[in-house]
All heavy atoms as atom14 arrays in JSON, in Angstrom:
{
  "sequence": "ISSNNKKQTSFLVISFDSDWLYPSWQSGEIVKFLIARGFSTTY",
  "atom14_mask": [
    [1, 1, 1, 1, 1, 1, 1, 1, 0, 0, 0, 0, 0, 0],
    [1, 1, 1, 1, 1, 1, 0, 0, 0, 0, 0, 0, 0, 0],
    [1, 1, 1, 1, 1, 1, 0, 0, 0, 0, 0, 0, 0, 0],
    [1, 1, 1, 1, 1, 1, 1, 1, 0, 0, 0, 0, 0, 0],
    [1, 1, 1, 1, 1, 1, 1, 1, 0, 0, 0, 0, 0, 0],
    [1, 1, 1, 1, 1, 1, 1, 1, 1, 0, 0, 0, 0, 0],
    [1, 1, 1, 1, 1, 1, 1, 1, 1, 0, 0, 0, 0, 0],
    [1, 1, 1, 1, 1, 1, 1, 1, 1, 0, 0, 0, 0, 0],
    [1, 1, 1, 1, 1, 1, 1, 0, 0, 0, 0, 0, 0, 0],
    [1, 1, 1, 1, 1, 1, 0, 0, 0, 0, 0, 0, 0, 0],
    [1, 1, 1, 1, 1, 1, 1, 1, 1, 1, 1, 0, 0, 0],
    [1, 1, 1, 1, 1, 1, 1, 1, 0, 0, 0, 0, 0, 0],
    [1, 1, 1, 1, 1, 1, 1, 0, 0, 0, 0, 0, 0, 0],
    [1, 1, 1, 1, 1, 1, 1, 1, 0, 0, 0, 0, 0, 0],
    [1, 1, 1, 1, 1, 1, 0, 0, 0, 0, 0, 0, 0, 0],
    [1, 1, 1, 1, 1, 1, 1, 1, 1, 1, 1, 0, 0, 0],
    [1, 1, 1, 1, 1, 1, 1, 1, 0, 0, 0, 0, 0, 0],
    [1, 1, 1, 1, 1, 1, 0, 0, 0, 0, 0, 0, 0, 0],
    [1, 1, 1, 1, 1, 1, 1, 1, 0, 0, 0, 0, 0, 0],
    [1, 1, 1, 1, 1, 1, 1, 1, 1, 1, 1, 1, 1, 1],
    [1, 1, 1, 1, 1, 1, 1, 1, 0, 0, 0, 0, 0, 0],
    [1, 1, 1, 1, 1, 1, 1, 1, 1, 1, 1, 1, 0, 0],
    [1, 1, 1, 1, 1, 1, 1, 0, 0, 0, 0, 0, 0, 0],
    [1, 1, 1, 1, 1, 1, 0, 0, 0, 0, 0, 0, 0, 0],
    [1, 1, 1, 1, 1, 1, 1, 1, 1, 1, 1, 1, 1, 1],
    [1, 1, 1, 1, 1, 1, 1, 1, 1, 0, 0, 0, 0, 0],
    [1, 1, 1, 1, 1, 1, 0, 0, 0, 0, 0, 0, 0, 0],
    [1, 1, 1, 1, 0, 0, 0, 0, 0, 0, 0, 0, 0, 0],
    [1, 1, 1, 1, 1, 1, 1, 1, 1, 0, 0, 0, 0, 0],
    [1, 1, 1, 1, 1, 1, 1, 1, 0, 0, 0, 0, 0, 0],
    [1, 1, 1, 1, 1, 1, 1, 0, 0, 0, 0, 0, 0, 0],
    [1, 1, 1, 1, 1, 1, 1, 1, 1, 0, 0, 0, 0, 0],
    [1, 1, 1, 1, 1, 1, 1, 1, 1, 1, 1, 0, 0, 0],
    [1, 1, 1, 1, 1, 1, 1, 1, 0, 0, 0, 0, 0, 0],
    [1, 1, 1, 1, 1, 1, 1, 1, 0, 0, 0, 0, 0, 0],
    [1, 1, 1, 1, 1, 0, 0, 0, 0, 0, 0, 0, 0, 0],
    [1, 1, 1, 1, 1, 1, 1, 1, 1, 1, 1, 0, 0, 0],
    [1, 1, 1, 1, 0, 0, 0, 0, 0, 0, 0, 0, 0, 0],
    [1, 1, 1, 1, 1, 1, 1, 1, 1, 1, 1, 0, 0, 0],
    [1, 1, 1, 1, 1, 1, 0, 0, 0, 0, 0, 0, 0, 0],
    [1, 1, 1, 1, 1, 1, 1, 0, 0, 0, 0, 0, 0, 0],
    [1, 1, 1, 1, 1, 1, 1, 0, 0, 0, 0, 0, 0, 0],
    [1, 1, 1, 1, 1, 1, 1, 1, 1, 1, 1, 1, 0, 0]
  ],
  "atom14_positions": [
    [[-3.34, 21.19, -7.71], [-2.36, 22.24, -8.12], [-0.98, 22.01, -7.44], [-0.91, 21.9, -6.22], [-2.87, 23.65, -7.68], [-4.25, 23.87, -8.33], [-1.86, 24.7, -8.03], [-4.87, 25.18, -7.84], [0.0, 0.0, 0.0], [0.0, 0.0, 0.0], [0.0, 0.0, 0.0], [0.0, 0.0, 0.0], [0.0, 0.0, 0.0], [0.0, 0.0, 0.0]],
    [[0.03, 21.83, -8.25], [1.36, 21.67, -7.71], [2.07, 23.01, -7.53], [1.6, 24.05, -8.03], [2.23, 20.8, -8.68], [2.62, 21.48, -9.73], [0.0, 0.0, 0.0], [0.0, 0.0, 0.0], [0.0, 0.0, 0.0], [0.0, 0.0, 0.0], [0.0, 0.0, 0.0], [0.0, 0.0, 0.0], [0.0, 0.0, 0.0], [0.0, 0.0, 0.0]],
    [[3.23, 22.98, -6.87], [3.99, 24.16, -6.7], [4.56, 24.77, -7.99], [4.92, 25.91, -8.04], [5.09, 23.9, -5.7], [5.97, 22.93, -6.2], [0.0, 0.0, 0.0], [0.0, 0.0, 0.0], [0.0, 0.0, 0.0], [0.0, 0.0, 0.0], [0.0, 0.0, 0.0], [0.0, 0.0, 0.0], [0.0, 0.0, 0.0], [0.0, 0.0, 0.0]],
    [[4.6, 23.93, -9.07], [5.14, 24.38, -10.33], [4.1, 25.07, -11.16], [4.38, 25.61, -12.24], [5.68, 23.21, -11.11], [6.92, 22.56, -10.41], [7.69, 23.22, -9.81], [7.04, 21.26, -10.56], [0.0, 0.0, 0.0], [0.0, 0.0, 0.0], [0.0, 0.0, 0.0], [0.0, 0.0, 0.0], [0.0, 0.0, 0.0], [0.0, 0.0, 0.0]],
    [[2.84, 25.12, -10.7], [1.8, 25.63, -11.54], [1.87, 27.16, -11.57], [1.93, 27.81, -10.58], [0.42, 25.17, -11.04], [-0.65, 25.33, -12.12], [-1.11, 26.47, -12.35], [-0.98, 24.29, -12.78], [0.0, 0.0, 0.0], [0.0, 0.0, 0.0], [0.0, 0.0, 0.0], [0.0, 0.0, 0.0], [0.0, 0.0, 0.0], [0.0, 0.0, 0.0]],
    [[1.76, 27.68, -12.83], [1.8, 29.15, -13.02], [0.43, 29.67, -13.56], [0.32, 30.79, -14.08], [2.89, 29.51, -14.03], [4.25, 29.13, -13.52], [5.35, 29.42, -14.57], [6.69, 29.02, -14.1], [7.77, 29.27, -15.12], [0.0, 0.0, 0.0], [0.0, 0.0, 0.0], [0.0, 0.0, 0.0], [0.0, 0.0, 0.0], [0.0, 0.0, 0.0]],
    [[-0.62, 28.88, -13.48], [-1.98, 29.22, -13.81], [-2.1, 29.69, -15.32], [-2.89, 30.46, -15.62], [-2.47, 30.27, -12.89], [-2.64, 29.84, -11.5], [-3.22, 30.95, -10.56], [-3.31, 30.43, -9.14], [-3.89, 31.47, -8.26], [0.0, 0.0, 0.0], [0.0, 0.0, 0.0], [0.0, 0.0, 0.0], [0.0, 0.0, 0.0], [0.0, 0.0, 0.0]],
    [[-1.25, 29.06, -16.16], [-1.35, 29.32, -17.62], [-2.05, 28.23, -18.33], [-2.23, 28.29, -19.54], [0.07, 29.44, -18.16], [0.89, 30.64, -17.57], [2.3, 30.71, -18.05], [2.87, 29.7, -18.44], [2.91, 31.89, -17.93], [0.0, 0.0, 0.0], [0.0, 0.0, 0.0], [0.0, 0.0, 0.0], [0.0, 0.0, 0.0], [0.0, 0.0, 0.0]],
    [[-2.52, 27.16, -17.63], [-3.23, 26.12, -18.25], [-4.7, 26.37, -18.4], [-5.31, 26.99, -17.49], [-3.03, 24.83, -17.45], [-1.63, 24.54, -17.3], [-3.72, 23.62, -18.11], [0.0, 0.0, 0.0], [0.0, 0.0, 0.0], [0.0, 0.0, 0.0], [0.0, 0.0, 0.0], [0.0, 0.0, 0.0], [0.0, 0.0, 0.0], [0.0, 0.0, 0.0]],
    [[-5.25, 26.14, -19.57], [-6.69, 26.35, -19.79], [-7.41, 25.01, -19.68], [-6.85, 23.95, -19.96], [-6.92, 26.93, -21.19], [-6.33, 28.24, -21.28], [0.0, 0.0, 0.0], [0.0, 0.0, 0.0], [0.0, 0.0, 0.0], [0.0, 0.0, 0.0], [0.0, 0.0, 0.0], [0.0, 0.0, 0.0], [0.0, 0.0, 0.0], [0.0, 0.0, 0.0]],
    [[-8.71, 25.11, -19.33], [-9.5, 23.87, -19.11], [-10.76, 23.92, -19.92], [-11.39, 24.98, -19.97], [-9.88, 23.71, -17.68], [-8.74, 23.27, -16.76], [-7.79, 24.21, -16.38], [-8.58, 21.98, -16.39], [-6.75, 23.78, -15.54], [-7.51, 21.56, -15.61], [-6.6, 22.49, -15.15], [0.0, 0.0, 0.0], [0.0, 0.0, 0.0], [0.0, 0.0, 0.0]],
    [[-11.18, 22.77, -20.52], [-12.47, 22.61, -21.13], [-13.06, 21.37, -20.43], [-12.59, 20.26, -20.6], [-12.34, 22.31, -22.6], [-13.65, 21.88, -23.29], [-14.74, 22.93, -23.17], [-13.42, 21.52, -24.76], [0.0, 0.0, 0.0], [0.0, 0.0, 0.0], [0.0, 0.0, 0.0], [0.0, 0.0, 0.0], [0.0, 0.0, 0.0], [0.0, 0.0, 0.0]],
    [[-14.01, 21.54, -19.56], [-14.71, 20.48, -18.78], [-16.05, 20.23, -19.45], [-16.85, 21.1, -19.6], [-14.86, 20.86, -17.35], [-15.46, 19.66, -16.59], [-13.47, 21.28, -16.8], [0.0, 0.0, 0.0], [0.0, 0.0, 0.0], [0.0, 0.0, 0.0], [0.0, 0.0, 0.0], [0.0, 0.0, 0.0], [0.0, 0.0, 0.0], [0.0, 0.0, 0.0]],
    [[-16.31, 18.93, -19.82], [-17.54, 18.52, -20.35], [-18.19, 17.4, -19.57], [-17.56, 16.47, -19.21], [-17.27, 18.06, -21.84], [-16.67, 19.16, -22.7], [-18.61, 17.56, -22.44], [-16.31, 18.71, -24.13], [0.0, 0.0, 0.0], [0.0, 0.0, 0.0], [0.0, 0.0, 0.0], [0.0, 0.0, 0.0], [0.0, 0.0, 0.0], [0.0, 0.0, 0.0]],
    [[-19.47, 17.63, -19.34], [-20.3, 16.54, -18.66], [-21.61, 16.33, -19.46], [-21.84, 17.03, -20.37], [-20.69, 16.96, -17.22], [-21.54, 18.07, -17.22], [0.0, 0.0, 0.0], [0.0, 0.0, 0.0], [0.0, 0.0, 0.0], [0.0, 0.0, 0.0], [0.0, 0.0, 0.0], [0.0, 0.0, 0.0], [0.0, 0.0, 0.0], [0.0, 0.0, 0.0]],
    [[-22.36, 15.34, -19.04], [-23.61, 15.0, -19.71], [-24.72, 14.93, -18.67], [-24.54, 14.31, -17.58], [-23.49, 13.63, -20.38], [-22.44, 13.69, -21.52], [-21.07, 13.27, -21.22], [-22.69, 14.1, -22.8], [-20.13, 13.35, -22.2], [-21.71, 14.12, -23.75], [-20.45, 13.81, -23.42], [0.0, 0.0, 0.0], [0.0, 0.0, 0.0], [0.0, 0.0, 0.0]],
    [[-25.88, 15.52, -18.98], [-26.95, 15.68, -18.01], [-27.57, 14.38, -17.57], [-28.19, 14.26, -16.53], [-28.03, 16.69, -18.5], [-28.7, 16.19, -19.74], [-28.34, 15.13, -20.31], [-29.59, 16.91, -20.23], [0.0, 0.0, 0.0], [0.0, 0.0, 0.0], [0.0, 0.0, 0.0], [0.0, 0.0, 0.0], [0.0, 0.0, 0.0], [0.0, 0.0, 0.0]],
    [[-27.4, 13.32, -18.36], [-28.01, 11.98, -18.0], [-26.99, 11.05, -17.41], [-27.35, 9.87, -17.18], [-28.63, 11.36, -19.28], [-27.6, 11.21, -20.31], [0.0, 0.0, 0.0], [0.0, 0.0, 0.0], [0.0, 0.0, 0.0], [0.0, 0.0, 0.0], [0.0, 0.0, 0.0], [0.0, 0.0, 0.0], [0.0, 0.0, 0.0], [0.0, 0.0, 0.0]],
    [[-25.8, 11.51, -17.2], [-24.74, 10.64, -16.64], [-24.87, 10.55, -15.14], [-24.7, 11.55, -14.42], [-23.31, 11.23, -16.97], [-22.16, 10.35, -16.55], [-22.41, 9.31, -15.86], [-21.05, 10.59, -16.91], [0.0, 0.0, 0.0], [0.0, 0.0, 0.0], [0.0, 0.0, 0.0], [0.0, 0.0, 0.0], [0.0, 0.0, 0.0], [0.0, 0.0, 0.0]],
    [[-25.27, 9.36, -14.65], [-25.4, 9.21, -13.18], [-24.21, 8.5, -12.56], [-24.1, 8.4, -11.36], [-26.72, 8.55, -12.76], [-26.91, 7.18, -13.2], [-27.25, 6.69, -14.44], [-26.69, 5.99, -12.43], [-27.29, 5.3, -14.44], [-26.94, 4.87, -13.25], [-26.24, 5.77, -11.12], [-26.8, 3.54, -12.72], [-26.19, 4.46, -10.62], [-26.46, 3.42, -11.48]],
    [[-23.37, 7.96, -13.38], [-22.03, 7.33, -12.89], [-21.13, 8.48, -12.42], [-20.64, 8.48, -11.28], [-21.45, 6.52, -13.87], [-20.07, 5.81, -13.45], [-20.25, 5.01, -12.17], [-19.49, 4.97, -14.58], [0.0, 0.0, 0.0], [0.0, 0.0, 0.0], [0.0, 0.0, 0.0], [0.0, 0.0, 0.0], [0.0, 0.0, 0.0], [0.0, 0.0, 0.0]],
    [[-20.87, 9.41, -13.33], [-20.07, 10.62, -13.03], [-20.93, 11.79, -13.31], [-20.78, 12.44, -14.33], [-18.79, 10.64, -13.82], [-17.85, 9.46, -13.42], [-17.6, 8.48, -14.35], [-17.24, 9.43, -12.16], [-16.75, 7.45, -13.98], [-16.42, 8.37, -11.8], [-16.18, 7.39, -12.74], [-15.36, 6.35, -12.4], [0.0, 0.0, 0.0], [0.0, 0.0, 0.0]],
    [[-21.86, 12.14, -12.38], [-22.85, 13.2, -12.63], [-22.26, 14.59, -12.76], [-21.04, 14.83, -12.36], [-23.71, 13.11, -11.42], [-22.89, 12.53, -10.31], [-22.04, 11.55, -11.04], [0.0, 0.0, 0.0], [0.0, 0.0, 0.0], [0.0, 0.0, 0.0], [0.0, 0.0, 0.0], [0.0, 0.0, 0.0], [0.0, 0.0, 0.0], [0.0, 0.0, 0.0]],
    [[-22.99, 15.43, -13.4], [-22.5, 16.8, -13.72], [-22.01, 17.56, -12.52], [-21.1, 18.39, -12.61], [-23.54, 17.59, -14.48], [-23.85, 17.05, -15.76], [0.0, 0.0, 0.0], [0.0, 0.0, 0.0], [0.0, 0.0, 0.0], [0.0, 0.0, 0.0], [0.0, 0.0, 0.0], [0.0, 0.0, 0.0], [0.0, 0.0, 0.0], [0.0, 0.0, 0.0]],
    [[-22.61, 17.33, -11.29], [-22.22, 18.11, -10.17], [-20.73, 17.85, -9.77], [-20.07, 18.7, -9.26], [-23.13, 17.79, -8.91], [-23.08, 16.41, -8.39], [-23.94, 15.38, -8.6], [-22.11, 15.94, -7.45], [-23.55, 14.25, -7.89], [-22.45, 14.6, -7.15], [-21.0, 16.47, -6.78], [-21.71, 13.85, -6.22], [-20.27, 15.7, -5.92], [-20.65, 14.41, -5.63]],
    [[-20.23, 16.61, -10.15], [-18.83, 16.34, -9.91], [-17.95, 17.19, -10.83], [-16.9, 17.74, -10.35], [-18.55, 14.9, -10.03], [-19.17, 14.03, -8.92], [-18.73, 12.58, -9.0], [-18.63, 12.0, -10.11], [-18.57, 11.97, -7.86], [0.0, 0.0, 0.0], [0.0, 0.0, 0.0], [0.0, 0.0, 0.0], [0.0, 0.0, 0.0], [0.0, 0.0, 0.0]],
    [[-18.26, 17.37, -12.06], [-17.57, 18.23, -12.98], [-17.67, 19.69, -12.48], [-16.74, 20.52, -12.57], [-18.07, 18.11, -14.42], [-17.78, 16.89, -14.96], [0.0, 0.0, 0.0], [0.0, 0.0, 0.0], [0.0, 0.0, 0.0], [0.0, 0.0, 0.0], [0.0, 0.0, 0.0], [0.0, 0.0, 0.0], [0.0, 0.0, 0.0], [0.0, 0.0, 0.0]],
    [[-18.89, 20.01, -11.96], [-19.11, 21.33, -11.46], [-18.21, 21.73, -10.37], [-17.74, 22.91, -10.25], [0.0, 0.0, 0.0], [0.0, 0.0, 0.0], [0.0, 0.0, 0.0], [0.0, 0.0, 0.0], [0.0, 0.0, 0.0], [0.0, 0.0, 0.0], [0.0, 0.0, 0.0], [0.0, 0.0, 0.0], [0.0, 0.0, 0.0], [0.0, 0.0, 0.0]],
    [[-17.9, 20.74, -9.48], [-16.98, 21.01, -8.33], [-15.54, 21.4, -8.91], [-14.89, 22.31, -8.46], [-16.77, 19.78, -7.53], [-17.93, 19.46, -6.56], [-17.67, 18.32, -5.65], [-16.76, 17.46, -6.03], [-18.18, 18.29, -4.55], [0.0, 0.0, 0.0], [0.0, 0.0, 0.0], [0.0, 0.0, 0.0], [0.0, 0.0, 0.0], [0.0, 0.0, 0.0]],
    [[-15.15, 20.72, -9.96], [-13.87, 21.0, -10.55], [-13.83, 22.42, -11.11], [-12.91, 23.23, -10.95], [-13.47, 19.96, -11.64], [-13.49, 18.58, -11.0], [-12.17, 20.27, -12.31], [-13.41, 17.45, -12.09], [0.0, 0.0, 0.0], [0.0, 0.0, 0.0], [0.0, 0.0, 0.0], [0.0, 0.0, 0.0], [0.0, 0.0, 0.0], [0.0, 0.0, 0.0]],
    [[-14.92, 22.69, -11.81], [-15.01, 24.02, -12.53], [-14.99, 25.22, -11.55], [-14.24, 26.14, -11.71], [-16.31, 24.08, -13.39], [-16.52, 25.48, -13.93], [-16.18, 23.05, -14.51], [0.0, 0.0, 0.0], [0.0, 0.0, 0.0], [0.0, 0.0, 0.0], [0.0, 0.0, 0.0], [0.0, 0.0, 0.0], [0.0, 0.0, 0.0], [0.0, 0.0, 0.0]],
    [[-15.78, 25.09, -10.48], [-15.78, 26.1, -9.44], [-14.39, 26.35, -8.81], [-14.06, 27.49, -8.58], [-16.86, 25.79, -8.4], [-18.3, 25.84, -8.85], [-19.24, 25.39, -7.8], [-20.68, 25.4, -8.24], [-21.6, 24.93, -7.24], [0.0, 0.0, 0.0], [0.0, 0.0, 0.0], [0.0, 0.0, 0.0], [0.0, 0.0, 0.0], [0.0, 0.0, 0.0]],
    [[-13.75, 25.24, -8.54], [-12.48, 25.35, -7.89], [-11.5, 26.03, -8.84], [-10.71, 26.96, -8.42], [-11.95, 23.97, -7.56], [-10.5, 23.92, -7.03], [-10.23, 24.21, -5.74], [-9.44, 23.65, -7.92], [-8.99, 24.22, -5.21], [-8.16, 23.66, -7.39], [-7.91, 23.91, -6.07], [0.0, 0.0, 0.0], [0.0, 0.0, 0.0], [0.0, 0.0, 0.0]],
    [[-11.43, 25.65, -10.15], [-10.49, 26.2, -11.1], [-10.73, 27.71, -11.3], [-9.78, 28.48, -11.34], [-10.61, 25.43, -12.42], [-10.15, 24.03, -12.43], [-10.52, 23.3, -13.77], [-8.59, 23.98, -12.24], [0.0, 0.0, 0.0], [0.0, 0.0, 0.0], [0.0, 0.0, 0.0], [0.0, 0.0, 0.0], [0.0, 0.0, 0.0], [0.0, 0.0, 0.0]],
    [[-12.03, 28.08, -11.42], [-12.32, 29.5, -11.62], [-11.91, 30.34, -10.39], [-11.36, 31.43, -10.53], [-13.82, 29.65, -11.92], [-14.18, 29.07, -13.27], [-14.27, 31.16, -11.89], [-15.64, 29.07, -13.6], [0.0, 0.0, 0.0], [0.0, 0.0, 0.0], [0.0, 0.0, 0.0], [0.0, 0.0, 0.0], [0.0, 0.0, 0.0], [0.0, 0.0, 0.0]],
    [[-12.2, 29.76, -9.22], [-11.79, 30.48, -7.99], [-10.28, 30.63, -7.81], [-9.81, 31.59, -7.22], [-12.3, 29.73, -6.77], [0.0, 0.0, 0.0], [0.0, 0.0, 0.0], [0.0, 0.0, 0.0], [0.0, 0.0, 0.0], [0.0, 0.0, 0.0], [0.0, 0.0, 0.0], [0.0, 0.0, 0.0], [0.0, 0.0, 0.0], [0.0, 0.0, 0.0]],
    [[-9.56, 29.7, -8.47], [-8.08, 29.78, -8.42], [-7.45, 30.53, -9.61], [-6.24, 30.53, -9.76], [-7.47, 28.39, -8.4], [-7.81, 27.61, -7.06], [-7.37, 28.34, -5.83], [-7.59, 27.57, -4.63], [-8.71, 27.45, -3.98], [-9.8, 28.08, -4.47], [-8.81, 26.78, -2.85], [0.0, 0.0, 0.0], [0.0, 0.0, 0.0], [0.0, 0.0, 0.0]],
    [[-8.34, 31.11, -10.5], [-7.84, 31.96, -11.52], [-7.46, 31.27, -12.86], [-6.86, 31.86, -13.66], [0.0, 0.0, 0.0], [0.0, 0.0, 0.0], [0.0, 0.0, 0.0], [0.0, 0.0, 0.0], [0.0, 0.0, 0.0], [0.0, 0.0, 0.0], [0.0, 0.0, 0.0], [0.0, 0.0, 0.0], [0.0, 0.0, 0.0], [0.0, 0.0, 0.0]],
    [[-7.91, 30.04, -13.04], [-7.64, 29.37, -14.28], [-8.7, 29.63, -15.32], [-9.96, 29.75, -15.03], [-7.56, 27.83, -14.06], [-6.38, 27.36, -13.25], [-6.43, 27.21, -11.91], [-5.15, 27.01, -13.91], [-5.3, 26.8, -11.19], [-4.06, 26.62, -13.25], [-4.21, 26.48, -11.83], [0.0, 0.0, 0.0], [0.0, 0.0, 0.0], [0.0, 0.0, 0.0]],
    [[-8.3, 29.77, -16.58], [-9.19, 29.93, -17.7], [-9.93, 28.66, -17.87], [-9.38, 27.58, -18.24], [-8.43, 30.32, -18.96], [-9.3, 30.36, -20.08], [0.0, 0.0, 0.0], [0.0, 0.0, 0.0], [0.0, 0.0, 0.0], [0.0, 0.0, 0.0], [0.0, 0.0, 0.0], [0.0, 0.0, 0.0], [0.0, 0.0, 0.0], [0.0, 0.0, 0.0]],
    [[-11.27, 28.68, -17.59], [-12.04, 27.46, -17.55], [-13.38, 27.59, -18.3], [-14.12, 28.53, -18.13], [-12.39, 27.05, -16.11], [-11.14, 27.05, -15.39], [-13.03, 25.72, -16.04], [0.0, 0.0, 0.0], [0.0, 0.0, 0.0], [0.0, 0.0, 0.0], [0.0, 0.0, 0.0], [0.0, 0.0, 0.0], [0.0, 0.0, 0.0], [0.0, 0.0, 0.0]],
    [[-13.63, 26.66, -19.26], [-14.85, 26.63, -20.04], [-15.66, 25.34, -19.62], [-14.98, 24.3, -19.63], [-14.56, 26.67, -21.56], [-13.83, 27.8, -21.86], [-15.87, 26.64, -22.27], [0.0, 0.0, 0.0], [0.0, 0.0, 0.0], [0.0, 0.0, 0.0], [0.0, 0.0, 0.0], [0.0, 0.0, 0.0], [0.0, 0.0, 0.0], [0.0, 0.0, 0.0]],
    [[-16.87, 25.44, -19.42], [-17.7, 24.27, -18.97], [-18.91, 24.16, -19.81], [-19.63, 25.18, -20.03], [-18.01, 24.39, -17.48], [-18.98, 23.3, -17.02], [-18.67, 21.93, -17.16], [-20.17, 23.64, -16.47], [-19.52, 20.96, -16.76], [-21.07, 22.63, -15.96], [-20.69, 21.28, -16.1], [-21.57, 20.32, -15.69], [0.0, 0.0, 0.0], [0.0, 0.0, 0.0]]
  ]
}
């Protein structure tokens, strides 16, 4: 998050349950952070 951010950006985060290179828990970290910071986030 930069200082210019006004929290108007929406997010669609997609992961795959069988992906072990970039596992779902890593996407989950992003999602939890965004929701906690007030961003509209769909996962």
